[in-house]
Amino acid sequence: MSAKIVLVAAMVGLIAAAPQYNYEPPQAPSSLYETPLVAEPQNIVPAVVNPPMEGMPYDFTWGVEDGESGNAFSHVENSDGQTTQGEYRVLLPDGRTQVVKFYDNGDGFNAEVTYEK
């Protein structure tokens, strides 16, 4: 019995002393970010304030109304290149319809959100 204990203890000692794997931790980076190079100043041309926009004017409408799943949403929008306006509607899970009317005339996006039963 004691020979078995000695043998098991010796095996455990050998297993514990043997290297399990050859792991070497990676080198720590010298810097997390590269320092940007300073470029020589270029001849900078000012940007055009209001460039002509492709696809102007436009007007589109789309929507989905699926009775089987209950999905219902739509989007109507138009723009003359200066002002964009429209409305979108989404049927919410509680049965209400969220209506968002919006416009942007160059002073920023403006929206009015209402709910219909």
Protein backbone atom coordinates (compact mmCIF):
# COMPACT_ATOMS: atom_id res chain seq x y z
CA MET A 1 0.00 0.00 0.00
CA SER A 2 2.77 2.45 0.91
CA ALA A 3 4.58 1.62 -2.35
CA LYS A 4 1.47 2.70 -4.28
CA ILE A 5 1.34 5.99 -2.36
CA VAL A 6 5.03 6.63 -2.99
CA LEU A 7 4.59 5.80 -6.70
CA VAL A 8 1.55 8.11 -7.04
CA ALA A 9 3.35 10.90 -5.16
CA ALA A 10 6.38 10.52 -7.43
CA MET A 11 4.20 10.67 -10.55
CA VAL A 12 2.40 13.77 -9.27
CA GLY A 13 5.77 15.39 -8.55
CA LEU A 14 7.05 14.61 -12.06
CA ILE A 15 3.89 15.93 -13.70
CA ALA A 16 3.97 19.13 -11.63
CA ALA A 17 7.66 19.71 -12.34
CA ALA A 18 7.42 19.12 -16.10
CA PRO A 19 6.87 22.21 -18.24
CA GLN A 20 3.28 22.35 -19.43
CA TYR A 21 3.85 24.50 -22.54
CA ASN A 22 6.34 26.91 -24.02
CA TYR A 23 4.50 30.19 -23.63
CA GLU A 24 6.31 33.46 -24.04
CA PRO A 25 4.25 36.60 -23.39
CA PRO A 26 4.19 39.09 -26.28
CA GLN A 27 6.39 42.14 -26.24
CA ALA A 28 4.74 45.24 -24.81
CA PRO A 29 4.17 47.84 -27.54
CA SER A 30 6.42 50.85 -27.40
CA SER A 31 3.46 53.08 -28.32
CA LEU A 32 -0.20 52.37 -28.83
CA TYR A 33 -0.49 54.96 -31.58
CA GLU A 34 1.78 55.97 -34.36
CA THR A 35 2.90 59.57 -34.20
CA PRO A 36 1.58 61.34 -37.30
CA LEU A 37 4.12 62.84 -39.60
CA VAL A 38 4.01 66.59 -39.94
CA ALA A 39 3.41 67.38 -43.60
CA GLU A 40 4.55 70.47 -45.37
CA PRO A 41 1.71 72.99 -45.79
CA GLN A 42 -0.08 72.58 -49.09
CA ASN A 43 -1.79 75.20 -51.17
CA ILE A 44 -5.24 74.89 -49.65
CA VAL A 45 -8.17 75.76 -51.86
CA PRO A 46 -11.28 76.83 -49.96
CA ALA A 47 -14.21 74.47 -50.25
CA VAL A 48 -17.19 75.47 -52.30
CA VAL A 49 -19.90 76.49 -49.84
CA ASN A 50 -22.93 75.17 -51.73
CA PRO A 51 -21.81 72.83 -54.49
CA PRO A 52 -24.46 71.75 -56.96
CA MET A 53 -25.97 68.48 -55.79
CA GLU A 54 -26.53 65.55 -58.09
CA GLY A 55 -30.02 64.16 -58.34
CA MET A 56 -31.80 67.38 -57.46
CA PRO A 57 -34.67 67.94 -57.38
CA TYR A 58 -36.12 64.62 -56.27
CA ASP A 59 -39.40 63.25 -54.97
CA PHE A 60 -40.00 59.73 -53.69
CA THR A 61 -42.57 57.70 -51.81
CA TRP A 62 -42.42 54.16 -50.52
CA GLY A 63 -44.24 52.08 -47.99
CA VAL A 64 -45.04 48.62 -46.71
CA GLU A 65 -48.32 47.37 -45.33
CA ASP A 66 -48.33 43.67 -44.56
CA GLY A 67 -51.55 42.46 -42.99
CA GLU A 68 -50.14 39.04 -42.12
CA SER A 69 -47.26 40.35 -39.98
CA GLY A 70 -48.88 43.67 -39.04
CA ASN A 71 -45.94 45.70 -40.35
CA ALA A 72 -46.89 49.12 -41.67
CA PHE A 73 -44.48 51.92 -42.43
CA SER A 74 -44.01 54.57 -45.09
CA HIS A 75 -41.71 57.39 -46.11
CA VAL A 76 -42.43 60.41 -48.32
CA GLU A 77 -39.68 62.91 -49.11
CA ASN A 78 -38.89 65.62 -51.63
CA SER A 79 -36.16 68.19 -52.16
CA ASP A 80 -35.45 71.03 -54.54
CA GLY A 81 -31.75 71.08 -53.62
CA GLN A 82 -32.19 73.80 -51.01
CA THR A 83 -34.99 72.46 -48.81
CA THR A 84 -35.72 68.84 -48.00
CA GLN A 85 -39.01 67.90 -46.40
CA GLY A 86 -41.09 64.85 -45.79
CA GLU A 87 -42.79 62.51 -43.41
CA TYR A 88 -42.42 58.94 -42.27
CA ARG A 89 -44.84 56.72 -40.39
CA VAL A 90 -44.22 53.60 -38.31
CA LEU A 91 -46.83 51.31 -36.77
CA LEU A 92 -45.77 50.73 -33.15
CA PRO A 93 -46.36 47.49 -31.19
CA ASP A 94 -49.01 49.19 -29.03
CA GLY A 95 -51.15 49.95 -32.12
CA ARG A 96 -50.30 53.65 -32.39
CA THR A 97 -48.65 55.12 -35.48
CA GLN A 98 -45.63 57.34 -34.95
CA VAL A 99 -45.61 60.19 -37.46
CA VAL A 100 -42.41 62.21 -37.99
CA LYS A 101 -42.72 65.32 -40.17
CA PHE A 102 -39.36 66.87 -40.98
CA TYR A 103 -37.65 69.55 -42.99
CA ASP A 104 -34.17 70.96 -43.48
CA ASN A 105 -33.81 74.30 -45.24
CA GLY A 106 -30.08 74.60 -44.62
CA ASP A 107 -30.41 75.70 -40.99
CA GLY A 108 -30.39 72.11 -39.66
CA PHE A 109 -32.76 69.17 -39.34
CA ASN A 110 -36.15 69.97 -37.78
CA ALA A 111 -38.66 67.30 -36.82
CA GLU A 112 -42.11 67.17 -35.30
CA VAL A 113 -43.09 63.81 -33.79
CA THR A 114 -46.74 62.94 -33.16
CA TYR A 115 -48.70 59.77 -32.48
CA GLU A 116 -52.01 58.66 -33.99
CA LYS A 117 -54.30 56.05 -32.53
